[in-house]
Every structure is written in structure tokens, then in C-alpha cells.
Protein backbone atom coordinates (compact mmCIF):
# COMPACT_ATOMS: atom_id res chain seq x y z
CA MET A 1 201.28 59.17 -20.82
CA ARG A 2 204.22 59.17 -18.41
CA GLU A 3 203.52 56.77 -15.55
CA ASP A 4 204.29 59.29 -12.82
CA LEU A 5 201.94 61.84 -14.39
CA LYS A 6 199.26 59.20 -14.85
CA LYS A 7 199.51 58.19 -11.18
CA ASN A 8 199.26 61.81 -10.04
CA ILE A 9 196.09 62.33 -12.09
CA GLU A 10 194.55 59.05 -10.91
CA SER A 11 195.35 59.84 -7.27
CA VAL A 12 193.22 62.99 -7.20
CA GLY A 13 190.92 62.53 -10.20
CA LYS A 14 191.23 64.35 -13.52
CA GLU A 15 188.86 67.19 -12.60
CA ASN A 16 190.75 68.05 -9.40
CA TYR A 17 194.09 67.70 -11.14
CA VAL A 18 193.05 70.08 -13.92
CA ARG A 19 191.69 72.65 -11.45
CA THR A 20 194.88 72.56 -9.36
CA MET A 21 197.07 72.68 -12.46
CA PHE A 22 195.42 75.78 -13.91
CA ASP A 23 195.30 77.52 -10.53
CA SER A 24 199.05 76.91 -10.30
CA ILE A 25 200.04 78.12 -13.77
CA ALA A 26 197.56 81.00 -14.08
CA PRO A 27 200.16 83.80 -13.68
CA HIS A 28 202.28 82.36 -16.50
CA TYR A 29 199.55 80.99 -18.76
CA ASP A 30 199.08 83.80 -21.27
CA PHE A 31 202.79 84.43 -21.79
CA LEU A 32 203.65 80.76 -22.22
CA ASN A 33 200.71 80.28 -24.57
CA LEU A 34 201.99 83.08 -26.77
CA VAL A 35 205.55 81.73 -26.76
CA MET A 36 204.57 78.09 -27.26
CA THR A 37 202.35 78.88 -30.26
CA GLY A 38 204.75 81.40 -31.81
CA GLY A 39 201.99 84.02 -31.65
CA LEU A 40 199.69 81.94 -33.86
CA VAL A 41 197.09 81.79 -31.09
CA ARG A 42 196.03 85.32 -32.05
CA TRP A 43 195.31 84.23 -35.61
CA TRP A 44 193.34 81.24 -34.30
CA HIS A 45 191.25 83.64 -32.23
CA ARG A 46 190.38 85.59 -35.36
CA ALA A 47 189.25 82.40 -37.09
CA PHE A 48 187.16 81.60 -34.01
CA ALA A 49 185.49 85.01 -34.17
CA ARG A 50 184.38 84.39 -37.73
CA SER A 51 182.79 81.08 -36.72
CA THR A 52 180.54 82.31 -33.89
CA ARG A 53 178.22 84.38 -36.12
CA LEU A 54 177.55 86.57 -33.08
CA ARG A 55 176.01 89.98 -33.67
CA ALA A 56 175.52 93.13 -31.64
CA GLY A 57 173.09 92.44 -28.82
CA GLY A 58 173.70 88.70 -28.88
CA THR A 59 174.43 86.30 -26.04
CA ALA A 60 177.34 83.90 -25.62
CA LEU A 61 178.71 81.38 -23.16
CA ASP A 62 182.44 80.63 -23.11
CA VAL A 63 182.93 77.27 -21.37
CA ALA A 64 186.25 76.58 -19.60
CA CYS A 65 187.11 80.18 -20.43
CA GLY A 66 190.49 80.25 -18.67
CA THR A 67 191.98 83.75 -18.73
CA GLY A 68 189.15 84.98 -20.91
CA ASP A 69 190.62 85.45 -24.38
CA LEU A 70 187.63 83.96 -26.22
CA THR A 71 185.27 85.56 -23.72
CA ALA A 72 186.73 88.91 -24.76
CA VAL A 73 186.35 88.02 -28.45
CA CYS A 74 182.66 87.27 -27.91
CA ALA A 75 182.17 90.39 -25.78
CA ARG A 76 183.52 92.60 -28.56
CA GLN A 77 181.16 90.95 -31.01
CA VAL A 78 177.96 91.37 -28.98
CA GLY A 79 178.79 94.84 -27.64
CA PRO A 80 177.22 96.66 -24.68
CA ARG A 81 173.69 95.55 -25.59
CA GLY A 82 174.72 91.90 -25.44
CA ARG A 83 175.69 89.47 -22.69
CA VAL A 84 178.65 87.10 -22.38
CA VAL A 85 179.31 84.60 -19.60
CA GLY A 86 182.67 82.93 -19.03
CA LEU A 87 182.70 79.78 -16.91
CA ASP A 88 185.71 77.91 -15.54
CA LEU A 89 186.73 75.50 -12.78
CA SER A 90 189.78 77.56 -11.81
CA PRO A 91 189.24 80.64 -9.62
CA GLU A 92 192.79 81.82 -10.34
CA MET A 93 192.27 81.76 -14.10
CA LEU A 94 188.98 83.63 -13.65
CA SER A 95 190.76 86.26 -11.56
CA LEU A 96 193.08 86.96 -14.49
CA ALA A 97 190.16 86.91 -16.91
CA ARG A 98 188.36 89.50 -14.79
CA ARG A 99 191.35 91.84 -14.92
CA LYS A 100 191.74 91.31 -18.65
CA LEU A 101 188.10 92.11 -19.42
CA SER A 102 188.24 95.18 -17.18
CA ALA A 103 191.41 96.46 -18.87
CA ARG A 104 189.71 96.14 -22.25
CA GLY A 105 186.55 97.90 -21.11
CA LEU A 106 184.40 94.79 -21.61
CA GLU A 107 183.37 93.99 -18.04
CA GLY A 108 180.05 95.85 -18.25
CA TRP A 109 178.38 93.11 -20.27
CA SER A 110 180.62 90.17 -19.29
CA GLU A 111 180.11 87.86 -16.32
CA LEU A 112 182.61 85.32 -14.99
CA ILE A 113 181.59 82.41 -12.79
CA VAL A 114 183.12 79.28 -11.31
CA GLY A 115 181.38 76.26 -12.79
CA ASN A 116 181.64 72.81 -14.31
CA ALA A 117 181.35 72.14 -18.05
CA LEU A 118 179.53 68.89 -17.29
CA GLU A 119 176.68 70.69 -15.49
CA LEU A 120 176.15 74.13 -16.95
CA PRO A 121 174.02 76.23 -14.55
CA PHE A 122 171.80 77.71 -17.26
CA ALA A 123 168.35 77.05 -18.65
CA ASP A 124 167.83 75.49 -22.05
CA ALA A 125 168.17 77.82 -25.05
CA SER A 126 169.86 80.63 -23.08
CA PHE A 127 172.57 81.66 -25.57
CA ASP A 128 173.15 82.36 -29.24
CA CYS A 129 176.53 80.64 -29.09
CA ALA A 130 178.41 78.35 -26.70
CA SER A 131 182.15 78.03 -27.18
CA ILE A 132 185.08 76.15 -25.69
CA GLY A 133 188.72 76.83 -26.49
CA PHE A 134 191.60 74.41 -25.93
CA ALA A 135 189.74 72.69 -23.08
CA LEU A 136 187.79 69.71 -24.42
CA ARG A 137 190.91 67.61 -23.76
CA ASN A 138 190.65 68.53 -20.09
CA VAL A 139 187.06 67.53 -19.35
CA VAL A 140 186.14 64.17 -17.86
CA ASP A 141 183.40 63.51 -20.43
CA ILE A 142 183.65 65.11 -23.88
CA GLU A 143 180.23 64.02 -25.14
CA ARG A 144 178.48 65.23 -22.00
CA THR A 145 180.23 68.60 -22.29
CA VAL A 146 179.18 69.06 -25.92
CA ARG A 147 175.65 67.92 -25.06
CA GLU A 148 175.44 70.51 -22.29
CA MET A 149 176.69 73.22 -24.62
CA ALA A 150 174.07 72.24 -27.20
CA ARG A 151 171.37 72.26 -24.53
CA VAL A 152 171.96 75.86 -23.50
CA VAL A 153 172.11 77.17 -27.10
CA ARG A 154 168.90 78.40 -28.71
CA PRO A 155 167.60 76.83 -31.95
CA GLY A 156 169.68 78.22 -34.80
CA GLY A 157 172.56 78.99 -32.44
CA ARG A 158 176.04 77.56 -32.69
CA VAL A 159 178.37 75.36 -30.67
CA VAL A 160 182.01 76.15 -31.41
CA ALA A 161 185.13 74.32 -30.23
CA LEU A 162 188.69 75.44 -30.92
CA GLU A 163 191.09 72.65 -30.05
CA ILE A 164 194.58 71.27 -30.54
CA SER A 165 194.51 68.39 -32.99
CA LYS A 166 196.64 65.83 -34.79
CA PRO A 167 197.68 67.05 -38.25
CA GLN A 168 196.72 64.65 -41.04
CA ASN A 169 199.56 65.74 -43.33
CA ARG A 170 202.55 63.52 -42.58
CA MET A 171 205.04 66.26 -43.50
CA ILE A 172 203.54 68.44 -40.77
CA ARG A 173 202.57 65.74 -38.27
CA TRP A 174 206.01 64.35 -37.43
CA PRO A 175 207.85 67.65 -36.85
CA TYR A 176 204.82 68.81 -34.86
CA PHE A 177 204.84 65.69 -32.69
CA VAL A 178 208.57 66.07 -32.02
CA TYR A 179 208.00 69.66 -30.91
CA PHE A 180 204.82 68.94 -28.96
CA TYR A 181 205.95 65.78 -27.16
CA HIS A 182 209.65 66.56 -26.63
CA VAL A 183 210.18 70.33 -26.66
CA VAL A 184 207.01 71.65 -24.97
CA PRO A 185 207.56 69.53 -21.78
CA LEU A 186 210.87 71.35 -21.26
CA LEU A 187 208.79 74.32 -20.06
CA ASP A 188 208.10 72.33 -16.89
CA ARG A 189 211.82 72.26 -16.20
CA ALA A 190 212.26 75.93 -17.06
CA TYR A 191 209.56 76.96 -14.57
CA GLY A 192 210.51 74.49 -11.83
CA TRP A 193 207.47 72.22 -12.12
CA VAL A 194 209.46 69.02 -12.69
CA GLY A 195 209.56 67.95 -9.05
CA GLY A 196 205.93 68.64 -8.24
CA LYS A 197 202.74 66.69 -8.75
CA VAL A 198 201.44 69.25 -11.25
CA ARG A 199 203.40 69.16 -14.52
CA PRO A 200 201.31 71.23 -16.93
CA TYR A 201 203.51 71.12 -20.01
CA THR A 202 204.06 67.39 -19.68
CA TYR A 203 200.31 66.97 -19.25
CA LEU A 204 199.54 69.18 -22.28
CA PRO A 205 200.93 66.98 -25.09
CA HIS A 206 199.81 63.76 -23.47
CA SER A 207 196.27 65.09 -23.15
CA LEU A 208 196.17 64.88 -26.95
CA THR A 209 197.27 61.25 -27.14
CA ASN A 210 193.83 59.69 -26.66
CA PHE A 211 191.82 62.70 -27.76
CA PRO A 212 189.48 61.95 -30.69
CA ASN A 213 190.59 63.00 -34.15
CA GLN A 214 188.71 65.61 -36.16
CA GLU A 215 186.13 63.26 -37.67
CA ARG A 216 185.42 61.45 -34.40
CA LEU A 217 184.87 64.76 -32.63
CA ALA A 218 182.57 65.83 -35.46
CA ASP A 219 180.65 62.58 -34.88
CA THR A 220 180.27 63.58 -31.22
CA PHE A 221 178.76 66.90 -32.33
CA ARG A 222 176.30 64.99 -34.52
CA SER A 223 175.49 62.46 -31.79
CA VAL A 224 174.17 65.19 -29.47
CA GLY A 225 171.82 66.44 -32.19
CA LEU A 226 173.80 69.27 -33.78
CA THR A 227 173.42 69.79 -37.51
CA ASP A 228 175.55 71.39 -40.24
CA VAL A 229 178.56 70.00 -38.39
CA ALA A 230 181.85 71.05 -39.96
CA TYR A 231 185.48 71.45 -39.02
CA GLN A 232 188.39 73.44 -40.37
CA GLY A 233 192.06 72.71 -39.77
CA LEU A 234 194.19 75.75 -38.97
CA THR A 235 197.96 76.05 -39.43
CA GLY A 236 198.19 72.72 -41.21
CA GLY A 237 195.79 71.04 -38.81
CA VAL A 238 197.70 71.56 -35.56
CA VAL A 239 194.52 73.27 -34.38
CA THR A 240 190.98 72.56 -35.55
CA LEU A 241 187.84 74.68 -35.38
CA HIS A 242 184.67 72.62 -34.94
CA VAL A 243 181.16 74.06 -35.45
CA GLY A 244 177.65 72.66 -35.09
CA VAL A 245 174.21 74.29 -35.29
CA LYS A 246 171.32 73.67 -32.88
CA PRO A 247 168.29 72.60 -34.95
């Protein structure tokens, strides 16, 4: 990780840095996500939807929900008789999520709250599914986050994580790393974030550097007691979908 970025994160703590970062980039987040992924994020969302196994009338928790894309996916699946909660540290991201859910007619059975993934404010066995999308890299404690998600899921329910990953295929990995580590950070310059303490698109690739690979993350799912743990690489493994079942 760049030394200046590392110092900025250490000076305020990772949790505060992440909250400030997402509050700052909230107005641009959805557009830049679409551009940066070449529109593939929409296909990844469809793969996510297939993994939740949610049905009409079900309940879901979307942890670190950001602007609410996966919250909306879950809300469509459970319908008006169901209940979906999106939780995030960033009030600004939640503000955009609220507008998005309202525009799609999903707000009637969706709730958005400020909260911490490390201490989910819900009773045990409250949901049929708990999900997290592109945010495990941002939490202070990955195992504790997954454990909390497993805690609030009912027996037979699912914990689902959609996350950026390191492709195992060498022919894909090196071009991807060149793009991710050298091209993506240029967005900071394009949007004038280079001089500030928050540099989101420099932080983004480097947040993957020490992130566990697919099998290690699967081991974390198993270590918190989840069963039938599996993962599926998407788009050559640049993104991975992880699933575990609460016994």
C-alpha cells in the first residue's frame, strides 16, 4: 500500500477512514462503479440473486449495503410480504440507497439503517439470508463480520458474500492487476482526490493486496460454523461469490 495512504488510514483508523471515504464519493459511486467494471457489475448482481435462495415473503439483511443495489435485488425477491434491511456505516451512501429504493417502488418493505458490520443490531436467527457485497475488504475484522452475519441468519439460511478477488488464471491475473493497480487509481486524479487524505481509487486496489484468497475466505466461512461452503469465480475470477449455510 502506498505509504501516504497507509499513514492516512492509520491516523484516523480504518473504520473512520472508510466511513469518510464513502461519504465523500457517494454522489459518484454508482457511475464510477459502472464505468470501472465495464457494466459487468450488473451481471454479477444477477449471479448474486441466484445464490440467495430468497423467496416471496422472506427476510434479508444486506450488510455494508452502500447505495443499495443488492438491497434492491433482495427486495425484489422477497416482495411486499417480505422484509429487507440494508445497513451501512455511511449516512451519505444510505441517503442514495433510500432514493434508489423509492424510485424502484421497493421502499415499502425495505429499511435502511446506520450500523456496524461488527455488531449487527439484530437478534439471533432474524433473517433468511445475510449478504455483503464488495465490502469485506473494508471491515476491520473479516471473521467477526462473517460470524455476525451467521449469527443473525436462521438455521437453513444463507450467508452470501460477493467480493473482488485475485484471479487464479495467470493469463487473466496479470492484465487484471495492471488495470486494477495502475489504471483504476487514475480515477482519483480525474475527480480531484489526489491532494486529499481520502483517495478512494488508490485505496480500492490496495485493499485487495492482503485480502484472503478464495480458499482462505471459504475457510473463514467454515470456521464460524457455516456448512455447504462453496465459492464461484465470476468473469475469470476477478470477482468471487461465496456462500455458506447456517446449520
